[in-house]
Amino acid sequence: MKIETWLRRLSLASMLGMFLILVMGALVTKTESGRGCGDDWPLCHGKFIPAYTIESMIEYSHRFVVGIVGLVLLATTILVLIYSQRKDAKWFVGGAMFFTVLQAILGAMTVVWPQNAPALALHFGFSLLAFAFTLLLYLVYTKWGEALLHREGTVLSPAAKLMVWVIMIYTYGVVYLGAYVHHTESSGGCIGWPLCNGEVIPDLSGATGIMFTHRVAAAVLGLLIAGLYFVIKAQAPAGSAAVAAARYAVIFVVLQIFSGAFVTLSMGYDWYLLASLTHTVLISCLYGILSYLAILTLQPSESVNQAYAAP
């Protein structure tokens, strides 16, 4: 088997594994299973195999998957650093490894020592960054990765490039705020959707203020990404990776906003967990797409990318 095939398969496995970690981490949080193994790490209540309780099994299975994915990513890192000719692949795998280790350390710290809401929200943020890097790594070995090499096509203006980066950073802030909403138990601060407690602008104190701020930030994000799509569409070729990525970003942000409404309207019902996990999946996809767009803007000024039929 060619080394290129191994690199593609291992990068795919790393990306899927990191995505699974994100979803399982959200499951741990949403089911309040973070203390399912008590204060022990890496053991669970002092045992390799914990006693069967729902909370301990959810928490311990998450730890197990993190360990397995970490080994897969380590193997991927070694092969990429030794055999890959792509400098961007080496940067991506390095970033993935760094944030994977960082989120694992922070995860252990949240178990051993009590953490406040801001620190707990960072755990999901670091996991999201690790996923974004593994996604970029996998895309290197696909047709999307070709756009990172081509030097022909339409040039994005400096303003458009800056807009991409500002929106990506802003999206991370919205994600962090969403995690902060949960860790401060502010999800019930706004009843109903799209109004908050039946008001356009509710009382902004306590949980209501936190939740309403997250809603406004998400709405602004939707407008920003819609604007970004039209800017990129006006500058890049119709079949370019940049236009395709911007189009996917619009789709995911719209789905993300409606999934947020689904979460609010499902509170107290059996499908609340499904709604919450869907919300996590969609924001992960959105951030991954925006990360790819940001990398495209780092190309030399000769070109954004060469037009081709996007998948």
Protein backbone atom coordinates (compact mmCIF):
# COMPACT_ATOMS: atom_id res chain seq x y z
CA MET A 1 0.00 0.00 0.00
CA LYS A 2 1.36 3.42 -0.97
CA ILE A 3 2.32 5.82 1.79
CA GLU A 4 -0.11 8.37 0.33
CA THR A 5 -2.95 5.91 0.91
CA TRP A 6 -1.88 5.41 4.51
CA LEU A 7 -1.69 9.15 5.07
CA ARG A 8 -5.17 9.66 3.65
CA ARG A 9 -6.70 6.81 5.65
CA LEU A 10 -5.07 7.75 8.92
CA SER A 11 -5.97 11.42 8.50
CA LEU A 12 -9.57 10.37 7.84
CA ALA A 13 -9.54 8.15 10.94
CA SER A 14 -8.10 11.01 13.01
CA MET A 15 -10.74 13.42 11.76
CA LEU A 16 -13.64 11.02 12.38
CA GLY A 17 -12.22 10.13 15.78
CA MET A 18 -11.92 13.77 16.79
CA PHE A 19 -15.47 14.37 15.62
CA LEU A 20 -16.60 11.44 17.80
CA ILE A 21 -14.75 12.96 20.76
CA LEU A 22 -16.64 16.22 20.26
CA VAL A 23 -20.00 14.46 20.20
CA MET A 24 -19.18 12.23 23.17
CA GLY A 25 -17.89 15.21 25.11
CA ALA A 26 -21.18 16.98 24.46
CA LEU A 27 -22.99 13.83 25.61
CA VAL A 28 -21.01 13.84 28.85
CA THR A 29 -21.90 17.48 29.42
CA LYS A 30 -25.57 17.26 28.45
CA THR A 31 -26.17 14.19 30.63
CA GLU A 32 -24.17 15.73 33.50
CA SER A 33 -21.87 12.72 33.58
CA GLY A 34 -18.67 14.67 34.09
CA ARG A 35 -18.46 13.45 37.68
CA GLY A 36 -19.36 9.90 36.71
CA CYS A 37 -15.90 8.70 37.73
CA GLY A 38 -15.63 10.85 40.83
CA ASP A 39 -12.33 12.66 41.31
CA ASP A 40 -10.22 9.87 39.76
CA TRP A 41 -8.25 10.14 36.52
CA PRO A 42 -7.35 8.14 34.48
CA LEU A 43 -9.03 5.46 36.60
CA CYS A 44 -12.74 5.54 37.35
CA HIS A 45 -13.55 5.28 41.05
CA GLY A 46 -10.13 3.67 41.43
CA LYS A 47 -10.82 0.91 38.88
CA PHE A 48 -9.86 0.22 35.28
CA ILE A 49 -13.39 -1.05 34.62
CA PRO A 50 -15.94 1.05 36.54
CA ALA A 51 -19.09 -0.20 38.17
CA TYR A 52 -22.04 -0.07 35.82
CA THR A 53 -23.85 3.20 36.19
CA ILE A 54 -25.02 5.33 33.30
CA GLU A 55 -22.90 8.31 34.33
CA SER A 56 -19.70 6.33 34.90
CA MET A 57 -20.02 4.41 31.62
CA ILE A 58 -20.63 7.59 29.60
CA GLU A 59 -17.67 9.37 31.19
CA TYR A 60 -15.33 6.37 31.02
CA SER A 61 -16.22 5.52 27.41
CA HIS A 62 -15.39 9.13 26.51
CA ARG A 63 -11.99 8.78 28.14
CA PHE A 64 -11.41 5.47 26.34
CA VAL A 65 -12.21 6.96 22.94
CA VAL A 66 -9.93 9.93 23.62
CA GLY A 67 -7.10 7.49 24.35
CA ILE A 68 -7.66 5.46 21.17
CA VAL A 69 -7.98 8.53 18.96
CA GLY A 70 -4.87 9.97 20.58
CA LEU A 71 -2.88 6.89 19.52
CA VAL A 72 -4.27 7.08 15.98
CA LEU A 73 -3.37 10.76 15.79
CA LEU A 74 0.12 10.01 17.12
CA ALA A 75 0.66 7.45 14.35
CA THR A 76 -0.68 9.95 11.82
CA THR A 77 1.64 12.65 13.13
CA ILE A 78 4.71 10.43 12.83
CA LEU A 79 3.89 9.42 9.25
CA VAL A 80 3.06 12.96 8.16
CA LEU A 81 6.24 14.42 9.64
CA ILE A 82 8.42 11.73 8.08
CA TYR A 83 6.82 11.05 4.71
CA SER A 84 4.53 13.93 3.70
CA GLN A 85 5.88 16.49 1.24
CA ARG A 86 3.16 18.97 2.15
CA LYS A 87 4.24 21.65 4.62
CA ASP A 88 0.62 22.54 5.34
CA ALA A 89 -0.10 18.93 6.34
CA LYS A 90 2.71 19.11 8.89
CA TRP A 91 1.30 22.33 10.34
CA PHE A 92 -2.20 20.85 10.52
CA VAL A 93 -1.15 17.61 12.20
CA GLY A 94 1.00 19.57 14.65
CA GLY A 95 -1.94 21.80 15.55
CA ALA A 96 -4.20 18.78 15.93
CA MET A 97 -1.77 17.06 18.27
CA PHE A 98 -1.20 20.21 20.33
CA PHE A 99 -4.89 20.91 20.94
CA THR A 100 -5.69 17.23 21.50
CA VAL A 101 -3.12 17.07 24.29
CA LEU A 102 -4.28 20.42 25.64
CA GLN A 103 -7.95 19.41 25.77
CA ALA A 104 -7.02 16.07 27.37
CA ILE A 105 -5.04 17.85 30.10
CA LEU A 106 -7.86 20.32 30.70
CA GLY A 107 -10.34 17.44 30.78
CA ALA A 108 -8.28 15.71 33.46
CA MET A 109 -8.04 18.95 35.43
CA THR A 110 -11.82 19.39 35.41
CA VAL A 111 -12.11 15.95 37.03
CA VAL A 112 -9.36 16.21 39.62
CA TRP A 113 -9.96 19.85 40.59
CA PRO A 114 -13.24 21.74 40.58
CA GLN A 115 -13.37 24.23 37.71
CA ASN A 116 -15.45 27.33 37.10
CA ALA A 117 -17.73 27.81 34.10
CA PRO A 118 -15.24 29.80 31.95
CA ALA A 119 -12.59 27.06 32.29
CA LEU A 120 -15.10 24.30 31.55
CA ALA A 121 -16.24 26.13 28.41
CA LEU A 122 -12.63 26.22 27.18
CA HIS A 123 -12.53 22.42 27.15
CA PHE A 124 -15.06 22.25 24.31
CA GLY A 125 -13.30 25.12 22.54
CA PHE A 126 -9.97 23.27 22.50
CA SER A 127 -11.68 20.10 21.28
CA LEU A 128 -13.24 22.09 18.45
CA LEU A 129 -9.84 23.44 17.42
CA ALA A 130 -8.38 19.92 17.45
CA PHE A 131 -11.22 18.75 15.20
CA ALA A 132 -10.71 21.70 12.81
CA PHE A 133 -7.02 20.83 12.42
CA THR A 134 -7.75 17.15 11.73
CA LEU A 135 -10.38 18.17 9.19
CA LEU A 136 -7.87 20.43 7.43
CA LEU A 137 -5.35 17.61 7.48
CA TYR A 138 -7.78 15.20 5.84
CA LEU A 139 -8.80 17.79 3.22
CA VAL A 140 -5.14 18.03 2.17
CA TYR A 141 -5.46 14.53 0.71
CA THR A 142 -8.75 15.21 -1.11
CA LYS A 143 -9.83 17.35 -4.04
CA TRP A 144 -10.36 20.23 -1.62
CA GLY A 145 -6.65 20.08 -0.83
CA GLU A 146 -5.76 20.85 -4.44
CA ALA A 147 -7.12 24.36 -3.95
CA LEU A 148 -4.41 24.93 -1.34
CA LEU A 149 -1.73 24.42 -4.02
CA HIS A 150 -3.07 26.13 -7.15
CA ARG A 151 -1.87 29.60 -8.03
CA GLU A 152 -4.38 30.58 -10.73
CA GLY A 153 -7.77 32.23 -10.37
CA THR A 154 -9.33 35.33 -8.89
CA VAL A 155 -7.66 37.13 -6.02
CA LEU A 156 -9.67 37.81 -2.88
CA SER A 157 -9.26 41.39 -1.73
CA PRO A 158 -7.42 42.09 1.54
CA ALA A 159 -10.76 43.20 3.01
CA ALA A 160 -12.38 39.88 2.07
CA LYS A 161 -9.51 37.93 3.59
CA LEU A 162 -9.74 39.95 6.80
CA MET A 163 -13.49 39.36 6.84
CA VAL A 164 -12.97 35.59 6.74
CA TRP A 165 -10.61 35.66 9.71
CA VAL A 166 -12.77 38.03 11.75
CA ILE A 167 -15.82 35.82 11.20
CA MET A 168 -13.89 32.66 12.10
CA ILE A 169 -12.66 34.21 15.34
CA TYR A 170 -16.11 35.60 16.06
CA THR A 171 -17.60 32.13 15.49
CA TYR A 172 -15.23 30.71 18.09
CA GLY A 173 -16.51 33.36 20.50
CA VAL A 174 -20.10 32.35 19.78
CA VAL A 175 -19.18 28.70 20.38
CA TYR A 176 -17.50 29.58 23.67
CA LEU A 177 -20.54 31.59 24.73
CA GLY A 178 -22.78 28.63 23.91
CA ALA A 179 -20.65 26.35 26.09
CA TYR A 180 -20.71 29.00 28.81
CA VAL A 181 -24.53 29.03 28.63
CA HIS A 182 -24.65 25.36 29.50
CA HIS A 183 -21.97 25.39 32.19
CA THR A 184 -23.72 28.27 33.96
CA GLU A 185 -27.04 26.40 33.59
CA SER A 186 -28.50 29.37 31.70
CA SER A 187 -30.28 27.35 28.98
CA GLY A 188 -33.65 28.07 30.56
CA GLY A 189 -33.03 31.81 30.67
CA CYS A 190 -35.06 32.31 27.49
CA ILE A 191 -38.35 30.47 27.16
CA GLY A 192 -39.77 30.38 23.65
CA TRP A 193 -38.30 31.23 20.25
CA PRO A 194 -37.63 33.59 18.49
CA LEU A 195 -38.77 35.87 21.32
CA CYS A 196 -37.15 35.50 24.72
CA ASN A 197 -39.74 35.09 27.46
CA GLY A 198 -42.26 36.69 25.11
CA GLU A 199 -40.21 39.89 24.75
CA VAL A 200 -38.06 41.31 21.97
CA ILE A 201 -35.56 42.56 24.55
CA PRO A 202 -36.02 40.84 27.91
CA ASP A 203 -34.58 41.68 31.30
CA LEU A 204 -30.85 41.13 30.79
CA SER A 205 -29.97 39.98 34.29
CA GLY A 206 -28.74 36.52 35.26
CA ALA A 207 -29.41 33.50 33.05
CA THR A 208 -31.72 35.46 30.76
CA GLY A 209 -28.99 37.95 29.93
CA ILE A 210 -26.47 35.19 29.18
CA MET A 211 -28.86 33.23 26.98
CA PHE A 212 -30.17 36.30 25.15
CA THR A 213 -26.60 37.45 24.43
CA HIS A 214 -25.88 34.05 22.87
CA ARG A 215 -29.00 34.31 20.69
CA VAL A 216 -28.10 37.79 19.47
CA ALA A 217 -24.52 36.69 18.77
CA ALA A 218 -25.79 33.71 16.74
CA ALA A 219 -28.12 35.95 14.71
CA VAL A 220 -25.28 38.38 13.97
CA LEU A 221 -23.14 35.42 12.90
CA GLY A 222 -25.80 34.37 10.41
CA LEU A 223 -25.82 37.84 8.86
CA LEU A 224 -22.03 37.98 8.72
CA ILE A 225 -21.72 34.63 6.96
CA ALA A 226 -24.44 35.55 4.47
CA GLY A 227 -22.52 38.73 3.70
CA LEU A 228 -19.27 36.79 3.38
CA TYR A 229 -20.84 34.45 0.83
CA PHE A 230 -21.84 37.33 -1.44
CA VAL A 231 -18.40 38.94 -1.12
CA ILE A 232 -16.59 35.72 -2.05
CA LYS A 233 -19.07 34.93 -4.82
CA ALA A 234 -18.36 38.33 -6.38
CA GLN A 235 -14.58 37.79 -6.36
CA ALA A 236 -13.89 34.07 -6.85
CA PRO A 237 -14.73 31.82 -9.83
CA ALA A 238 -18.17 30.19 -9.69
CA GLY A 239 -16.72 26.69 -9.41
CA SER A 240 -13.98 27.51 -6.93
CA ALA A 241 -13.42 25.88 -3.57
CA ALA A 242 -13.79 29.28 -1.90
CA VAL A 243 -17.32 29.78 -3.25
CA ALA A 244 -18.28 26.19 -2.43
CA ALA A 245 -16.97 26.52 1.14
CA ALA A 246 -18.78 29.83 1.63
CA ARG A 247 -22.00 28.22 0.36
CA TYR A 248 -21.64 25.36 2.84
CA ALA A 249 -21.00 27.89 5.62
CA VAL A 250 -24.33 29.57 4.84
CA ILE A 251 -26.13 26.23 4.91
CA PHE A 252 -24.58 25.19 8.20
CA VAL A 253 -25.17 28.52 9.95
CA VAL A 254 -28.86 28.46 8.95
CA LEU A 255 -29.19 24.89 10.20
CA GLN A 256 -27.31 25.87 13.36
CA ILE A 257 -29.71 28.72 14.12
CA PHE A 258 -32.75 26.49 13.67
CA SER A 259 -31.15 23.72 15.71
CA GLY A 260 -30.75 26.28 18.51
CA ALA A 261 -34.47 26.94 18.28
CA PHE A 262 -35.01 23.16 18.38
CA VAL A 263 -32.96 22.96 21.59
CA THR A 264 -35.03 25.70 23.23
CA LEU A 265 -38.39 24.31 22.17
CA SER A 266 -37.47 20.74 23.18
CA MET A 267 -36.55 21.58 26.78
CA GLY A 268 -38.47 19.27 29.07
CA TYR A 269 -39.11 16.74 26.31
CA ASP A 270 -37.47 13.38 25.51
CA TRP A 271 -35.75 14.70 22.39
CA TYR A 272 -33.86 17.48 24.17
CA LEU A 273 -30.63 15.43 24.20
CA LEU A 274 -30.90 14.74 20.46
CA ALA A 275 -31.48 18.44 19.79
CA SER A 276 -28.45 19.40 21.88
CA LEU A 277 -26.16 16.90 20.15
CA THR A 278 -27.40 18.06 16.73
CA HIS A 279 -26.52 21.61 17.76
CA THR A 280 -22.98 20.46 18.59
CA VAL A 281 -22.56 18.57 15.32
CA LEU A 282 -23.65 21.52 13.20
CA ILE A 283 -21.43 24.10 14.90
CA SER A 284 -18.47 21.73 14.50
CA CYS A 285 -19.12 21.45 10.76
CA LEU A 286 -19.54 25.22 10.44
CA TYR A 287 -16.30 25.98 12.24
CA GLY A 288 -14.44 23.41 10.15
CA ILE A 289 -15.63 25.03 6.92
CA LEU A 290 -14.68 28.51 8.12
CA SER A 291 -11.23 27.20 9.10
CA TYR A 292 -10.76 25.91 5.57
CA LEU A 293 -11.76 29.29 4.14
CA ALA A 294 -9.27 30.99 6.46
CA ILE A 295 -6.46 28.74 5.22
CA LEU A 296 -7.35 29.58 1.63
CA THR A 297 -6.76 33.26 2.38
CA LEU A 298 -3.18 32.51 3.43
CA GLN A 299 -2.17 31.58 -0.11
CA PRO A 300 0.27 33.81 -1.99
CA SER A 301 -1.31 36.88 -3.50
CA GLU A 302 -1.26 35.39 -7.00
CA SER A 303 -4.45 33.44 -6.35
CA VAL A 304 -7.06 32.20 -3.98
CA ASN A 305 -7.48 28.90 -5.80
CA GLN A 306 -8.08 27.38 -9.17
CA ALA A 307 -11.67 26.86 -10.26
CA TYR A 308 -12.84 23.29 -10.23
CA ALA A 309 -16.05 21.40 -9.65
CA ALA A 310 -16.37 21.29 -5.88
CA PRO A 311 -17.71 18.09 -4.31
